Amino acid sequence: QVQLIESGGGLVQVGGSLRLSCAASGRTFSGYAMGWFRQAPGKEREFVAAVSRSGDNTNYADSVKGRFTISRDNAKNTAYLQMSSLKPEDTAVYYCAARTGSYYSVVTQANAYDYWGQGTQVTVSS
């Protein structure tokens, strides 16, 4: 089992940047593919970005392509989501998630992930 703790959320103005971190503990971090999801008030949870166990493969939602970058540091047991050019519609609670899988696979479906963090709030003000 792995425990996930997100940090780095906050209030930012339109066009600003934030970097979210997801610290993992409990099991070997490199054994998990990682994903970021978000949920805005009144909306369903949606996929944002995912990175493979190797870190070589990534996938992004169309709404964040070119603005967000997912990465991981297996030596630090941490995944990151660098967010730039933020828009009001990026406002949401952001969750990181982990799943076991093949070394190079990335998965966008939330129900494929086994472990979830508690979430961190990101608010983009106009």
N, C-alpha and C. Protein backbone atom coordinates (compact mmCIF):
# COMPACT_ATOMS: atom_id res chain seq x y z
N GLN A 1 0.84 -1.19 0.00
CA GLN A 1 0.00 0.00 0.00
C GLN A 1 0.88 1.24 0.00
N VAL A 2 0.38 2.32 -0.59
CA VAL A 2 1.12 3.58 -0.64
C VAL A 2 0.22 4.70 -0.16
N GLN A 3 0.81 5.62 0.59
CA GLN A 3 0.09 6.81 1.05
C GLN A 3 0.56 8.01 0.23
N LEU A 4 -0.38 8.87 -0.14
CA LEU A 4 -0.09 10.02 -0.99
C LEU A 4 -0.53 11.30 -0.30
N ILE A 5 0.34 12.29 -0.31
CA ILE A 5 0.02 13.58 0.29
C ILE A 5 0.35 14.68 -0.71
N GLU A 6 -0.67 15.44 -1.12
CA GLU A 6 -0.48 16.55 -2.04
C GLU A 6 -0.17 17.83 -1.28
N SER A 7 0.55 18.71 -1.94
CA SER A 7 0.83 20.03 -1.40
C SER A 7 1.09 20.98 -2.56
N GLY A 8 1.10 22.28 -2.24
CA GLY A 8 1.44 23.27 -3.24
C GLY A 8 0.27 24.04 -3.81
N GLY A 9 -0.95 23.67 -3.41
CA GLY A 9 -2.10 24.40 -3.90
C GLY A 9 -2.18 25.79 -3.27
N GLY A 10 -3.10 26.59 -3.79
CA GLY A 10 -3.27 27.93 -3.24
C GLY A 10 -4.06 28.81 -4.17
N LEU A 11 -3.99 30.10 -3.88
CA LEU A 11 -4.69 31.12 -4.67
C LEU A 11 -3.68 31.80 -5.59
N VAL A 12 -4.02 31.88 -6.87
CA VAL A 12 -3.13 32.48 -7.86
C VAL A 12 -3.95 33.27 -8.85
N GLN A 13 -3.36 34.30 -9.41
CA GLN A 13 -4.07 35.11 -10.39
C GLN A 13 -4.01 34.46 -11.77
N VAL A 14 -4.93 34.87 -12.61
CA VAL A 14 -4.94 34.38 -13.99
C VAL A 14 -3.58 34.63 -14.64
N GLY A 15 -3.09 33.60 -15.32
CA GLY A 15 -1.80 33.69 -15.97
C GLY A 15 -0.64 33.27 -15.09
N GLY A 16 -0.90 33.04 -13.83
CA GLY A 16 0.15 32.66 -12.89
C GLY A 16 0.50 31.19 -12.96
N SER A 17 1.39 30.79 -12.06
CA SER A 17 1.89 29.42 -12.04
C SER A 17 1.86 28.85 -10.63
N LEU A 18 1.74 27.55 -10.56
CA LEU A 18 1.85 26.81 -9.30
C LEU A 18 2.51 25.48 -9.61
N ARG A 19 3.18 24.92 -8.61
CA ARG A 19 3.68 23.56 -8.73
C ARG A 19 3.11 22.73 -7.60
N LEU A 20 2.38 21.71 -7.97
CA LEU A 20 1.85 20.77 -6.99
C LEU A 20 2.84 19.62 -6.81
N SER A 21 2.91 19.16 -5.58
CA SER A 21 3.74 17.99 -5.26
C SER A 21 2.88 16.90 -4.68
N CYS A 22 3.28 15.68 -4.91
CA CYS A 22 2.60 14.51 -4.36
C CYS A 22 3.67 13.61 -3.77
N ALA A 23 3.76 13.60 -2.45
CA ALA A 23 4.75 12.79 -1.75
C ALA A 23 4.17 11.43 -1.42
N ALA A 24 4.91 10.39 -1.76
CA ALA A 24 4.44 9.02 -1.55
C ALA A 24 5.26 8.34 -0.47
N SER A 25 4.60 7.49 0.29
CA SER A 25 5.29 6.71 1.31
C SER A 25 4.61 5.36 1.43
N GLY A 26 5.35 4.40 1.95
CA GLY A 26 4.78 3.10 2.24
C GLY A 26 5.30 1.98 1.37
N ARG A 27 5.43 2.21 0.10
CA ARG A 27 5.94 1.18 -0.81
C ARG A 27 6.89 1.83 -1.80
N THR A 28 7.55 1.04 -2.58
CA THR A 28 8.51 1.55 -3.55
C THR A 28 7.80 2.42 -4.59
N PHE A 29 8.17 3.70 -4.59
CA PHE A 29 7.48 4.66 -5.43
C PHE A 29 7.61 4.32 -6.90
N SER A 30 8.74 3.82 -7.30
CA SER A 30 8.96 3.52 -8.72
C SER A 30 8.07 2.38 -9.22
N GLY A 31 7.40 1.70 -8.31
CA GLY A 31 6.50 0.63 -8.70
C GLY A 31 5.12 1.11 -9.11
N TYR A 32 4.90 2.44 -9.09
CA TYR A 32 3.58 3.00 -9.35
C TYR A 32 3.62 4.02 -10.48
N ALA A 33 2.67 3.89 -11.40
CA ALA A 33 2.40 4.98 -12.31
C ALA A 33 1.57 6.02 -11.56
N MET A 34 1.73 7.27 -11.94
CA MET A 34 1.08 8.35 -11.20
C MET A 34 0.17 9.17 -12.11
N GLY A 35 -0.87 9.70 -11.51
CA GLY A 35 -1.78 10.55 -12.25
C GLY A 35 -2.24 11.72 -11.40
N TRP A 36 -2.64 12.77 -12.08
CA TRP A 36 -3.29 13.92 -11.43
C TRP A 36 -4.69 14.05 -12.00
N PHE A 37 -5.63 14.29 -11.11
CA PHE A 37 -7.01 14.51 -11.47
C PHE A 37 -7.49 15.76 -10.75
N ARG A 38 -8.62 16.29 -11.18
CA ARG A 38 -9.18 17.45 -10.50
C ARG A 38 -10.69 17.38 -10.50
N GLN A 39 -11.26 18.07 -9.51
CA GLN A 39 -12.71 18.11 -9.39
C GLN A 39 -13.12 19.51 -9.00
N ALA A 40 -13.89 20.14 -9.87
CA ALA A 40 -14.44 21.47 -9.59
C ALA A 40 -15.81 21.32 -8.95
N PRO A 41 -16.27 22.34 -8.23
CA PRO A 41 -17.59 22.25 -7.58
C PRO A 41 -18.69 21.94 -8.58
N GLY A 42 -19.50 20.95 -8.25
CA GLY A 42 -20.62 20.59 -9.09
C GLY A 42 -20.26 19.80 -10.33
N LYS A 43 -18.99 19.43 -10.46
CA LYS A 43 -18.55 18.68 -11.63
C LYS A 43 -17.93 17.35 -11.21
N GLU A 44 -17.83 16.45 -12.16
CA GLU A 44 -17.22 15.16 -11.90
C GLU A 44 -15.70 15.29 -11.92
N ARG A 45 -15.06 14.35 -11.26
CA ARG A 45 -13.60 14.32 -11.27
C ARG A 45 -13.11 14.05 -12.69
N GLU A 46 -12.08 14.79 -13.12
CA GLU A 46 -11.59 14.63 -14.48
C GLU A 46 -10.09 14.43 -14.50
N PHE A 47 -9.65 13.72 -15.51
CA PHE A 47 -8.23 13.47 -15.72
C PHE A 47 -7.50 14.75 -16.10
N VAL A 48 -6.29 14.91 -15.56
CA VAL A 48 -5.45 16.06 -15.89
C VAL A 48 -4.17 15.59 -16.60
N ALA A 49 -3.42 14.71 -15.95
CA ALA A 49 -2.14 14.28 -16.51
C ALA A 49 -1.73 12.96 -15.86
N ALA A 50 -0.88 12.21 -16.56
CA ALA A 50 -0.38 10.96 -16.03
C ALA A 50 1.05 10.74 -16.51
N VAL A 51 1.81 10.01 -15.70
CA VAL A 51 3.20 9.69 -16.04
C VAL A 51 3.43 8.23 -15.71
N SER A 52 4.21 7.58 -16.56
CA SER A 52 4.49 6.16 -16.37
C SER A 52 5.46 5.95 -15.22
N ARG A 53 5.62 4.70 -14.85
CA ARG A 53 6.59 4.36 -13.80
C ARG A 53 7.99 4.81 -14.19
N SER A 54 8.31 4.69 -15.45
CA SER A 54 9.65 5.05 -15.91
C SER A 54 9.86 6.55 -15.95
N GLY A 55 8.77 7.30 -16.05
CA GLY A 55 8.88 8.75 -16.23
C GLY A 55 9.03 9.16 -17.68
N ASP A 56 9.16 8.18 -18.57
CA ASP A 56 9.40 8.49 -19.98
C ASP A 56 8.13 8.84 -20.73
N ASN A 57 7.02 8.30 -20.30
CA ASN A 57 5.76 8.51 -21.02
C ASN A 57 4.80 9.34 -20.19
N THR A 58 4.14 10.28 -20.86
CA THR A 58 3.17 11.14 -20.21
C THR A 58 1.93 11.28 -21.09
N ASN A 59 0.85 11.73 -20.48
CA ASN A 59 -0.39 11.99 -21.20
C ASN A 59 -1.09 13.15 -20.51
N TYR A 60 -1.76 13.97 -21.30
CA TYR A 60 -2.41 15.16 -20.76
C TYR A 60 -3.82 15.29 -21.31
N ALA A 61 -4.68 15.87 -20.50
CA ALA A 61 -5.98 16.28 -21.00
C ALA A 61 -5.78 17.42 -22.00
N ASP A 62 -6.64 17.47 -23.00
CA ASP A 62 -6.51 18.51 -24.01
C ASP A 62 -6.55 19.91 -23.40
N SER A 63 -7.32 20.05 -22.34
CA SER A 63 -7.51 21.37 -21.73
C SER A 63 -6.26 21.91 -21.07
N VAL A 64 -5.28 21.05 -20.80
CA VAL A 64 -4.07 21.51 -20.11
C VAL A 64 -2.80 21.34 -20.94
N LYS A 65 -2.91 20.73 -22.10
CA LYS A 65 -1.73 20.52 -22.94
C LYS A 65 -1.04 21.84 -23.25
N GLY A 66 0.27 21.84 -23.12
CA GLY A 66 1.04 23.04 -23.37
C GLY A 66 1.14 23.97 -22.19
N ARG A 67 0.34 23.72 -21.16
CA ARG A 67 0.37 24.60 -19.96
C ARG A 67 0.83 23.85 -18.72
N PHE A 68 0.50 22.58 -18.63
CA PHE A 68 0.85 21.77 -17.46
C PHE A 68 1.92 20.74 -17.84
N THR A 69 2.77 20.43 -16.87
CA THR A 69 3.79 19.41 -17.07
C THR A 69 3.83 18.49 -15.86
N ILE A 70 3.68 17.20 -16.11
CA ILE A 70 3.78 16.21 -15.04
C ILE A 70 5.18 15.61 -15.06
N SER A 71 5.70 15.35 -13.88
CA SER A 71 7.02 14.73 -13.78
C SER A 71 7.09 13.94 -12.48
N ARG A 72 8.18 13.22 -12.33
CA ARG A 72 8.37 12.45 -11.10
C ARG A 72 9.85 12.35 -10.80
N ASP A 73 10.14 12.24 -9.52
CA ASP A 73 11.50 12.04 -9.05
C ASP A 73 11.47 10.80 -8.17
N ASN A 74 11.86 9.68 -8.72
CA ASN A 74 11.76 8.42 -7.98
C ASN A 74 12.71 8.40 -6.77
N ALA A 75 13.78 9.16 -6.85
CA ALA A 75 14.71 9.21 -5.71
C ALA A 75 14.09 9.95 -4.53
N LYS A 76 13.16 10.86 -4.81
CA LYS A 76 12.51 11.64 -3.76
C LYS A 76 11.11 11.14 -3.47
N ASN A 77 10.67 10.06 -4.14
CA ASN A 77 9.33 9.51 -3.94
C ASN A 77 8.25 10.58 -4.14
N THR A 78 8.41 11.40 -5.14
CA THR A 78 7.50 12.53 -5.33
C THR A 78 7.15 12.70 -6.81
N ALA A 79 5.88 12.99 -7.04
CA ALA A 79 5.41 13.38 -8.36
C ALA A 79 5.04 14.86 -8.32
N TYR A 80 5.12 15.50 -9.48
CA TYR A 80 4.87 16.94 -9.56
C TYR A 80 3.90 17.25 -10.68
N LEU A 81 3.23 18.37 -10.52
CA LEU A 81 2.43 18.93 -11.59
C LEU A 81 2.74 20.41 -11.66
N GLN A 82 3.50 20.80 -12.66
CA GLN A 82 3.81 22.21 -12.88
C GLN A 82 2.71 22.80 -13.73
N MET A 83 2.07 23.84 -13.21
CA MET A 83 0.94 24.46 -13.88
C MET A 83 1.29 25.90 -14.22
N SER A 84 1.13 26.26 -15.47
CA SER A 84 1.44 27.61 -15.92
C SER A 84 0.26 28.15 -16.72
N SER A 85 0.29 29.46 -16.94
CA SER A 85 -0.79 30.12 -17.70
C SER A 85 -2.15 29.71 -17.16
N LEU A 86 -2.30 29.77 -15.87
CA LEU A 86 -3.51 29.28 -15.23
C LEU A 86 -4.72 30.13 -15.60
N LYS A 87 -5.85 29.46 -15.70
CA LYS A 87 -7.11 30.07 -16.09
C LYS A 87 -8.13 29.85 -14.97
N PRO A 88 -9.18 30.68 -14.92
CA PRO A 88 -10.21 30.47 -13.89
C PRO A 88 -10.80 29.07 -13.94
N GLU A 89 -10.92 28.50 -15.11
CA GLU A 89 -11.49 27.16 -15.24
C GLU A 89 -10.57 26.06 -14.72
N ASP A 90 -9.36 26.40 -14.34
CA ASP A 90 -8.47 25.42 -13.69
C ASP A 90 -8.76 25.31 -12.19
N THR A 91 -9.62 26.17 -11.68
CA THR A 91 -9.96 26.12 -10.27
C THR A 91 -10.63 24.79 -9.93
N ALA A 92 -10.07 24.10 -8.94
CA ALA A 92 -10.57 22.78 -8.57
C ALA A 92 -9.75 22.25 -7.40
N VAL A 93 -10.22 21.15 -6.84
CA VAL A 93 -9.39 20.37 -5.94
C VAL A 93 -8.60 19.38 -6.80
N TYR A 94 -7.30 19.38 -6.61
CA TYR A 94 -6.43 18.51 -7.40
C TYR A 94 -5.99 17.32 -6.55
N TYR A 95 -6.12 16.15 -7.15
CA TYR A 95 -5.77 14.90 -6.48
C TYR A 95 -4.66 14.18 -7.23
N CYS A 96 -3.73 13.62 -6.51
CA CYS A 96 -2.80 12.70 -7.15
C CYS A 96 -3.25 11.27 -6.85
N ALA A 97 -2.88 10.37 -7.74
CA ALA A 97 -3.30 8.98 -7.63
C ALA A 97 -2.17 8.08 -8.11
N ALA A 98 -2.18 6.85 -7.62
CA ALA A 98 -1.15 5.89 -7.97
C ALA A 98 -1.78 4.56 -8.35
N ARG A 99 -1.10 3.88 -9.28
CA ARG A 99 -1.57 2.56 -9.69
C ARG A 99 -0.36 1.72 -10.07
N THR A 100 -0.48 0.43 -9.86
CA THR A 100 0.55 -0.47 -10.36
C THR A 100 0.30 -0.70 -11.84
N GLY A 101 1.32 -1.08 -12.57
CA GLY A 101 1.15 -1.31 -13.99
C GLY A 101 2.48 -1.55 -14.66
N SER A 102 2.45 -1.68 -15.96
CA SER A 102 3.69 -1.93 -16.69
C SER A 102 4.58 -0.69 -16.64
N TYR A 103 5.84 -0.88 -16.92
CA TYR A 103 6.84 0.16 -16.70
C TYR A 103 6.60 1.40 -17.55
N TYR A 104 6.01 1.22 -18.73
CA TYR A 104 5.89 2.35 -19.64
C TYR A 104 4.46 2.82 -19.87
N SER A 105 3.49 2.23 -19.18
CA SER A 105 2.10 2.56 -19.47
C SER A 105 1.66 3.82 -18.74
N VAL A 106 0.74 4.54 -19.37
CA VAL A 106 0.06 5.66 -18.74
C VAL A 106 -1.43 5.43 -18.88
N VAL A 107 -2.18 5.79 -17.87
CA VAL A 107 -3.61 5.51 -17.83
C VAL A 107 -4.36 6.79 -17.46
N THR A 108 -5.46 7.03 -18.17
CA THR A 108 -6.22 8.25 -17.93
C THR A 108 -7.51 8.02 -17.13
N GLN A 109 -7.92 6.77 -16.98
CA GLN A 109 -9.19 6.51 -16.30
C GLN A 109 -9.00 6.51 -14.79
N ALA A 110 -9.84 7.26 -14.11
CA ALA A 110 -9.71 7.37 -12.66
C ALA A 110 -9.92 6.03 -11.97
N ASN A 111 -10.84 5.22 -12.50
CA ASN A 111 -11.15 3.97 -11.81
C ASN A 111 -10.03 2.93 -11.96
N ALA A 112 -9.00 3.24 -12.71
CA ALA A 112 -7.86 2.35 -12.83
C ALA A 112 -6.82 2.59 -11.74
N TYR A 113 -6.99 3.64 -10.98
CA TYR A 113 -6.02 3.99 -9.94
C TYR A 113 -6.44 3.41 -8.60
N ASP A 114 -5.45 2.95 -7.88
CA ASP A 114 -5.71 2.21 -6.64
C ASP A 114 -5.63 3.10 -5.39
N TYR A 115 -4.80 4.12 -5.43
CA TYR A 115 -4.56 4.94 -4.24
C TYR A 115 -4.72 6.41 -4.61
N TRP A 116 -5.24 7.15 -3.64
CA TRP A 116 -5.53 8.57 -3.85
C TRP A 116 -5.07 9.39 -2.66
N GLY A 117 -4.65 10.63 -2.96
CA GLY A 117 -4.36 11.57 -1.90
C GLY A 117 -5.63 12.27 -1.46
N GLN A 118 -5.47 13.18 -0.51
CA GLN A 118 -6.63 13.87 0.07
C GLN A 118 -7.02 15.10 -0.74
N GLY A 119 -6.17 15.54 -1.64
CA GLY A 119 -6.49 16.67 -2.49
C GLY A 119 -5.91 17.98 -1.98
N THR A 120 -5.66 18.89 -2.92
CA THR A 120 -5.20 20.23 -2.58
C THR A 120 -5.96 21.23 -3.44
N GLN A 121 -6.40 22.31 -2.84
CA GLN A 121 -7.24 23.28 -3.53
C GLN A 121 -6.38 24.23 -4.37
N VAL A 122 -6.78 24.42 -5.61
CA VAL A 122 -6.19 25.43 -6.48
C VAL A 122 -7.29 26.39 -6.90
N THR A 123 -7.08 27.67 -6.64
CA THR A 123 -8.05 28.68 -6.99
C THR A 123 -7.38 29.73 -7.86
N VAL A 124 -7.93 29.95 -9.05
CA VAL A 124 -7.38 30.93 -9.98
C VAL A 124 -8.36 32.10 -10.05
N SER A 125 -7.89 33.26 -9.64
CA SER A 125 -8.76 34.43 -9.59
C SER A 125 -8.54 35.31 -10.82
N SER A 126 -9.64 35.89 -11.28
CA SER A 126 -9.57 36.75 -12.47
C SER A 126 -9.55 38.22 -12.07
